[in-house]
Amino acid sequence: MQKYVVLQVVLKEKFFGVNSKNLTELEDVINQQAEKGYRLHTISTTNGGSKGFGGGDRIQATMVFERID
């Protein structure tokens, strides 16, 4: 098994207001890795800006998971 796993999830913000449309996807990725014996070591985000009319912002979350021995 690998000691570390790096994954990315793109969060799409609504045009009006906040609240990510797929925050549950981020939660699912974290829980899936926990079931495999990994813990979240580091998370960083970058803002991709708007992608067209009404598209809202795109935030890319990069996560590093560390294997729990």
PDB file of N, CA and C in Angstrom:
ATOM      1  N   MET A   1       0.834  -1.195   0.000  1.00  0.00           N
ATOM      2  CA  MET A   1       0.000   0.000   0.000  1.00  0.00           C
ATOM      3  C   MET A   1       0.875   1.254   0.000  1.00  0.00           C
ATOM      4  N   GLN A   2       0.359   2.289  -0.617  1.00  0.00           N
ATOM      5  CA  GLN A   2       1.081   3.560  -0.672  1.00  0.00           C
ATOM      6  C   GLN A   2       1.011   4.259   0.685  1.00  0.00           C
ATOM      7  N   LYS A   3       2.062   4.977   1.026  1.00  0.00           N
ATOM      8  CA  LYS A   3       2.097   5.744   2.279  1.00  0.00           C
ATOM      9  C   LYS A   3       1.225   6.991   2.176  1.00  0.00           C
ATOM     10  N   TYR A   4       1.181   7.624   0.988  1.00  0.00           N
ATOM     11  CA  TYR A   4       0.396   8.840   0.765  1.00  0.00           C
ATOM     12  C   TYR A   4      -0.444   8.710  -0.498  1.00  0.00           C
ATOM     13  N   VAL A   5      -1.589   9.377  -0.498  1.00  0.00           N
ATOM     14  CA  VAL A   5      -2.470   9.462  -1.666  1.00  0.00           C
ATOM     15  C   VAL A   5      -2.833  10.931  -1.839  1.00  0.00           C
ATOM     16  N   VAL A   6      -2.772  11.423  -3.085  1.00  0.00           N
ATOM     17  CA  VAL A   6      -3.129  12.811  -3.383  1.00  0.00           C
ATOM     18  C   VAL A   6      -4.353  12.796  -4.297  1.00  0.00           C
ATOM     19  N   LEU A   7      -5.404  13.521  -3.896  1.00  0.00           N
ATOM     20  CA  LEU A   7      -6.643  13.588  -4.672  1.00  0.00           C
ATOM     21  C   LEU A   7      -7.095  15.031  -4.820  1.00  0.00           C
ATOM     22  N   GLN A   8      -7.842  15.297  -5.893  1.00  0.00           N
ATOM     23  CA  GLN A   8      -8.396  16.634  -6.108  1.00  0.00           C
ATOM     24  C   GLN A   8      -9.898  16.541  -6.317  1.00  0.00           C
ATOM     25  N   VAL A   9     -10.614  17.515  -5.774  1.00  0.00           N
ATOM     26  CA  VAL A   9     -12.060  17.633  -5.961  1.00  0.00           C
ATOM     27  C   VAL A   9     -12.342  19.080  -6.346  1.00  0.00           C
ATOM     28  N   VAL A  10     -13.186  19.284  -7.354  1.00  0.00           N
ATOM     29  CA  VAL A  10     -13.571  20.628  -7.763  1.00  0.00           C
ATOM     30  C   VAL A  10     -14.926  20.944  -7.151  1.00  0.00           C
ATOM     31  N   LEU A  11     -14.961  22.013  -6.357  1.00  0.00           N
ATOM     32  CA  LEU A  11     -16.198  22.464  -5.717  1.00  0.00           C
ATOM     33  C   LEU A  11     -16.782  23.586  -6.553  1.00  0.00           C
ATOM     34  N   LYS A  12     -18.056  23.503  -6.849  1.00  0.00           N
ATOM     35  CA  LYS A  12     -18.718  24.518  -7.664  1.00  0.00           C
ATOM     36  C   LYS A  12     -19.601  25.377  -6.762  1.00  0.00           C
ATOM     37  N   GLU A  13     -19.273  26.651  -6.681  1.00  0.00           N
ATOM     38  CA  GLU A  13     -20.057  27.581  -5.874  1.00  0.00           C
ATOM     39  C   GLU A  13     -21.231  28.108  -6.681  1.00  0.00           C
ATOM     40  N   LYS A  14     -22.346  28.290  -6.022  1.00  0.00           N
ATOM     41  CA  LYS A  14     -23.524  28.845  -6.683  1.00  0.00           C
ATOM     42  C   LYS A  14     -23.280  30.296  -7.070  1.00  0.00           C
ATOM     43  N   PHE A  15     -23.938  30.732  -8.136  1.00  0.00           N
ATOM     44  CA  PHE A  15     -23.800  32.118  -8.596  1.00  0.00           C
ATOM     45  C   PHE A  15     -24.339  33.089  -7.558  1.00  0.00           C
ATOM     46  N   PHE A  16     -25.489  32.785  -7.006  1.00  0.00           N
ATOM     47  CA  PHE A  16     -26.093  33.638  -5.980  1.00  0.00           C
ATOM     48  C   PHE A  16     -25.881  32.995  -4.618  1.00  0.00           C
ATOM     49  N   GLY A  17     -25.228  33.723  -3.735  1.00  0.00           N
ATOM     50  CA  GLY A  17     -24.999  33.197  -2.393  1.00  0.00           C
ATOM     51  C   GLY A  17     -23.786  32.292  -2.362  1.00  0.00           C
ATOM     52  N   VAL A  18     -23.666  31.558  -1.283  1.00  0.00           N
ATOM     53  CA  VAL A  18     -22.533  30.655  -1.139  1.00  0.00           C
ATOM     54  C   VAL A  18     -23.057  29.226  -1.204  1.00  0.00           C
ATOM     55  N   ASN A  19     -22.573  28.335  -0.404  1.00  0.00           N
ATOM     56  CA  ASN A  19     -22.989  26.932  -0.354  1.00  0.00           C
ATOM     57  C   ASN A  19     -22.566  26.162  -1.595  1.00  0.00           C
ATOM     58  N   SER A  20     -21.609  25.308  -1.415  1.00  0.00           N
ATOM     59  CA  SER A  20     -21.118  24.491  -2.521  1.00  0.00           C
ATOM     60  C   SER A  20     -22.159  23.470  -2.930  1.00  0.00           C
ATOM     61  N   LYS A  21     -22.266  23.249  -4.220  1.00  0.00           N
ATOM     62  CA  LYS A  21     -23.207  22.260  -4.742  1.00  0.00           C
ATOM     63  C   LYS A  21     -22.753  20.842  -4.436  1.00  0.00           C
ATOM     64  N   ASN A  22     -21.462  20.621  -4.335  1.00  0.00           N
ATOM     65  CA  ASN A  22     -20.975  19.251  -4.163  1.00  0.00           C
ATOM     66  C   ASN A  22     -20.071  19.090  -2.943  1.00  0.00           C
ATOM     67  N   LEU A  23     -20.410  19.774  -1.868  1.00  0.00           N
ATOM     68  CA  LEU A  23     -19.636  19.622  -0.636  1.00  0.00           C
ATOM     69  C   LEU A  23     -19.722  18.191  -0.120  1.00  0.00           C
ATOM     70  N   THR A  24     -20.845  17.526  -0.381  1.00  0.00           N
ATOM     71  CA  THR A  24     -20.971  16.122   0.027  1.00  0.00           C
ATOM     72  C   THR A  24     -19.985  15.241  -0.732  1.00  0.00           C
ATOM     73  N   GLU A  25     -19.623  15.619  -1.964  1.00  0.00           N
ATOM     74  CA  GLU A  25     -18.619  14.862  -2.717  1.00  0.00           C
ATOM     75  C   GLU A  25     -17.271  14.920  -2.004  1.00  0.00           C
ATOM     76  N   LEU A  26     -16.918  16.092  -1.503  1.00  0.00           N
ATOM     77  CA  LEU A  26     -15.673  16.249  -0.753  1.00  0.00           C
ATOM     78  C   LEU A  26     -15.702  15.374   0.501  1.00  0.00           C
ATOM     79  N   GLU A  27     -16.812  15.404   1.204  1.00  0.00           N
ATOM     80  CA  GLU A  27     -16.977  14.587   2.407  1.00  0.00           C
ATOM     81  C   GLU A  27     -16.877  13.101   2.068  1.00  0.00           C
ATOM     82  N   ASP A  28     -17.484  12.692   0.955  1.00  0.00           N
ATOM     83  CA  ASP A  28     -17.438  11.286   0.540  1.00  0.00           C
ATOM     84  C   ASP A  28     -16.009  10.834   0.249  1.00  0.00           C
ATOM     85  N   VAL A  29     -15.230  11.687  -0.430  1.00  0.00           N
ATOM     86  CA  VAL A  29     -13.841  11.347  -0.744  1.00  0.00           C
ATOM     87  C   VAL A  29     -13.048  11.157   0.549  1.00  0.00           C
ATOM     88  N   ILE A  30     -13.236  12.053   1.508  1.00  0.00           N
ATOM     89  CA  ILE A  30     -12.520  11.947   2.784  1.00  0.00           C
ATOM     90  C   ILE A  30     -12.912  10.665   3.516  1.00  0.00           C
ATOM     91  N   ASN A  31     -14.207  10.365   3.556  1.00  0.00           N
ATOM     92  CA  ASN A  31     -14.674   9.154   4.238  1.00  0.00           C
ATOM     93  C   ASN A  31     -14.218   7.880   3.531  1.00  0.00           C
ATOM     94  N   GLN A  32     -14.176   7.885   2.205  1.00  0.00           N
ATOM     95  CA  GLN A  32     -13.695   6.711   1.461  1.00  0.00           C
ATOM     96  C   GLN A  32     -12.242   6.419   1.778  1.00  0.00           C
ATOM     97  N   GLN A  33     -11.432   7.467   1.864  1.00  0.00           N
ATOM     98  CA  GLN A  33     -10.020   7.277   2.191  1.00  0.00           C
ATOM     99  C   GLN A  33      -9.846   6.812   3.636  1.00  0.00           C
ATOM    100  N   ALA A  34     -10.685   7.316   4.538  1.00  0.00           N
ATOM    101  CA  ALA A  34     -10.630   6.880   5.942  1.00  0.00           C
ATOM    102  C   ALA A  34     -10.947   5.391   6.052  1.00  0.00           C
ATOM    103  N   GLU A  35     -11.899   4.914   5.265  1.00  0.00           N
ATOM    104  CA  GLU A  35     -12.240   3.489   5.265  1.00  0.00           C
ATOM    105  C   GLU A  35     -11.080   2.635   4.766  1.00  0.00           C
ATOM    106  N   LYS A  36     -10.227   3.208   3.918  1.00  0.00           N
ATOM    107  CA  LYS A  36      -9.067   2.491   3.392  1.00  0.00           C
ATOM    108  C   LYS A  36      -7.860   2.579   4.317  1.00  0.00           C
ATOM    109  N   GLY A  37      -8.007   3.280   5.445  1.00  0.00           N
ATOM    110  CA  GLY A  37      -6.908   3.382   6.406  1.00  0.00           C
ATOM    111  C   GLY A  37      -6.054   4.626   6.261  1.00  0.00           C
ATOM    112  N   TYR A  38      -6.578   5.652   5.605  1.00  0.00           N
ATOM    113  CA  TYR A  38      -5.851   6.910   5.440  1.00  0.00           C
ATOM    114  C   TYR A  38      -6.521   8.013   6.246  1.00  0.00           C
ATOM    115  N   ARG A  39      -5.716   8.974   6.669  1.00  0.00           N
ATOM    116  CA  ARG A  39      -6.274  10.165   7.317  1.00  0.00           C
ATOM    117  C   ARG A  39      -5.863  11.387   6.508  1.00  0.00           C
ATOM    118  N   LEU A  40      -6.690  12.419   6.575  1.00  0.00           N
ATOM    119  CA  LEU A  40      -6.400  13.649   5.852  1.00  0.00           C
ATOM    120  C   LEU A  40      -5.203  14.328   6.504  1.00  0.00           C
ATOM    121  N   HIS A  41      -4.152  14.501   5.740  1.00  0.00           N
ATOM    122  CA  HIS A  41      -2.923  15.107   6.247  1.00  0.00           C
ATOM    123  C   HIS A  41      -2.909  16.605   5.947  1.00  0.00           C
ATOM    124  N   THR A  42      -3.222  16.973   4.692  1.00  0.00           N
ATOM    125  CA  THR A  42      -3.154  18.366   4.251  1.00  0.00           C
ATOM    126  C   THR A  42      -4.244  18.620   3.228  1.00  0.00           C
ATOM    127  N   ILE A  43      -4.797  19.831   3.261  1.00  0.00           N
ATOM    128  CA  ILE A  43      -5.742  20.241   2.231  1.00  0.00           C
ATOM    129  C   ILE A  43      -5.412  21.677   1.833  1.00  0.00           C
ATOM    130  N   SER A  44      -5.442  21.937   0.538  1.00  0.00           N
ATOM    131  CA  SER A  44      -5.242  23.305   0.052  1.00  0.00           C
ATOM    132  C   SER A  44      -6.282  23.567  -1.030  1.00  0.00           C
ATOM    133  N   THR A  45      -6.616  24.827  -1.220  1.00  0.00           N
ATOM    134  CA  THR A  45      -7.615  25.187  -2.216  1.00  0.00           C
ATOM    135  C   THR A  45      -7.100  26.305  -3.107  1.00  0.00           C
ATOM    136  N   THR A  46      -7.577  26.302  -4.345  1.00  0.00           N
ATOM    137  CA  THR A  46      -7.317  27.395  -5.268  1.00  0.00           C
ATOM    138  C   THR A  46      -8.635  27.765  -5.922  1.00  0.00           C
ATOM    139  N   ASN A  47      -8.794  29.046  -6.202  1.00  0.00           N
ATOM    140  CA  ASN A  47     -10.020  29.546  -6.805  1.00  0.00           C
ATOM    141  C   ASN A  47      -9.817  29.653  -8.301  1.00  0.00           C
ATOM    142  N   GLY A  48     -10.708  28.977  -9.068  1.00  0.00           N
ATOM    143  CA  GLY A  48     -10.601  28.984 -10.519  1.00  0.00           C
ATOM    144  C   GLY A  48     -11.400  30.089 -11.174  1.00  0.00           C
ATOM    145  N   GLY A  49     -12.182  30.846 -10.412  1.00  0.00           N
ATOM    146  CA  GLY A  49     -12.982  31.921 -10.984  1.00  0.00           C
ATOM    147  C   GLY A  49     -14.242  31.415 -11.650  1.00  0.00           C
ATOM    148  N   SER A  50     -14.991  32.326 -12.222  1.00  0.00           N
ATOM    149  CA  SER A  50     -16.274  32.021 -12.840  1.00  0.00           C
ATOM    150  C   SER A  50     -16.078  31.319 -14.177  1.00  0.00           C
ATOM    151  N   LYS A  51     -16.969  30.395 -14.482  1.00  0.00           N
ATOM    152  CA  LYS A  51     -16.922  29.648 -15.743  1.00  0.00           C
ATOM    153  C   LYS A  51     -18.193  29.896 -16.545  1.00  0.00           C
ATOM    154  N   GLY A  52     -18.421  31.132 -16.933  1.00  0.00           N
ATOM    155  CA  GLY A  52     -19.590  31.429 -17.750  1.00  0.00           C
ATOM    156  C   GLY A  52     -20.719  32.024 -16.949  1.00  0.00           C
ATOM    157  N   PHE A  53     -21.744  32.485 -17.637  1.00  0.00           N
ATOM    158  CA  PHE A  53     -22.870  33.147 -16.997  1.00  0.00           C
ATOM    159  C   PHE A  53     -23.591  32.199 -16.046  1.00  0.00           C
ATOM    160  N   GLY A  54     -23.744  32.634 -14.807  1.00  0.00           N
ATOM    161  CA  GLY A  54     -24.462  31.844 -13.809  1.00  0.00           C
ATOM    162  C   GLY A  54     -23.703  30.632 -13.320  1.00  0.00           C
ATOM    163  N   GLY A  55     -22.451  30.500 -13.738  1.00  0.00           N
ATOM    164  CA  GLY A  55     -21.690  29.310 -13.389  1.00  0.00           C
ATOM    165  C   GLY A  55     -21.103  29.335 -12.000  1.00  0.00           C
ATOM    166  N   GLY A  56     -20.945  30.515 -11.436  1.00  0.00           N
ATOM    167  CA  GLY A  56     -20.337  30.610 -10.117  1.00  0.00           C
ATOM    168  C   GLY A  56     -18.859  30.297 -10.146  1.00  0.00           C
ATOM    169  N   ASP A  57     -18.239  30.265  -8.982  1.00  0.00           N
ATOM    170  CA  ASP A  57     -16.810  30.012  -8.869  1.00  0.00           C
ATOM    171  C   ASP A  57     -16.509  28.520  -8.832  1.00  0.00           C
ATOM    172  N   ARG A  58     -15.283  28.182  -9.214  1.00  0.00           N
ATOM    173  CA  ARG A  58     -14.771  26.822  -9.114  1.00  0.00           C
ATOM    174  C   ARG A  58     -13.618  26.857  -8.132  1.00  0.00           C
ATOM    175  N   ILE A  59     -13.710  26.045  -7.113  1.00  0.00           N
ATOM    176  CA  ILE A  59     -12.645  25.939  -6.123  1.00  0.00           C
ATOM    177  C   ILE A  59     -12.087  24.525  -6.199  1.00  0.00           C
ATOM    178  N   GLN A  60     -10.796  24.425  -6.432  1.00  0.00           N
ATOM    179  CA  GLN A  60     -10.142  23.126  -6.522  1.00  0.00           C
ATOM    180  C   GLN A  60      -9.501  22.803  -5.185  1.00  0.00           C
ATOM    181  N   ALA A  61      -9.930  21.709  -4.579  1.00  0.00           N
ATOM    182  CA  ALA A  61      -9.371  21.262  -3.311  1.00  0.00           C
ATOM    183  C   ALA A  61      -8.398  20.118  -3.588  1.00  0.00           C
ATOM    184  N   THR A  62      -7.152  20.288  -3.173  1.00  0.00           N
ATOM    185  CA  THR A  62      -6.146  19.240  -3.295  1.00  0.00           C
ATOM    186  C   THR A  62      -5.890  18.689  -1.899  1.00  0.00           C
ATOM    187  N   MET A  63      -6.055  17.378  -1.758  1.00  0.00           N
ATOM    188  CA  MET A  63      -5.928  16.751  -0.437  1.00  0.00           C
ATOM    189  C   MET A  63      -4.827  15.702  -0.451  1.00  0.00           C
ATOM    190  N   VAL A  64      -4.041  15.680   0.610  1.00  0.00           N
ATOM    191  CA  VAL A  64      -3.023  14.661   0.797  1.00  0.00           C
ATOM    192  C   VAL A  64      -3.482  13.797   1.972  1.00  0.00           C
ATOM    193  N   PHE A  65      -3.582  12.497   1.708  1.00  0.00           N
ATOM    194  CA  PHE A  65      -3.975  11.539   2.740  1.00  0.00           C
ATOM    195  C   PHE A  65      -2.759  10.720   3.119  1.00  0.00           C
ATOM    196  N   GLU A  66      -2.610  10.456   4.419  1.00  0.00           N
ATOM    197  CA  GLU A  66      -1.485   9.673   4.924  1.00  0.00           C
ATOM    198  C   GLU A  66      -2.001   8.355   5.480  1.00  0.00           C
ATOM    199  N   ARG A  67      -1.313   7.284   5.130  1.00  0.00           N
ATOM    200  CA  ARG A  67      -1.689   5.960   5.623  1.00  0.00           C
ATOM    201  C   ARG A  67      -1.452   5.888   7.130  1.00  0.00           C
ATOM    202  N   ILE A  68      -2.453   5.379   7.839  1.00  0.00           N
ATOM    203  CA  ILE A  68      -2.333   5.188   9.287  1.00  0.00           C
ATOM    204  C   ILE A  68      -1.772   3.789   9.512  1.00  0.00           C
ATOM    205  N   ASP A  69      -0.601   3.712  10.131  1.00  0.00           N
ATOM    206  CA  ASP A  69       0.043   2.408  10.364  1.00  0.00           C
ATOM    207  C   ASP A  69      -0.367   1.824  11.693  1.00  0.00           C
TER     208      ASP A  69
END
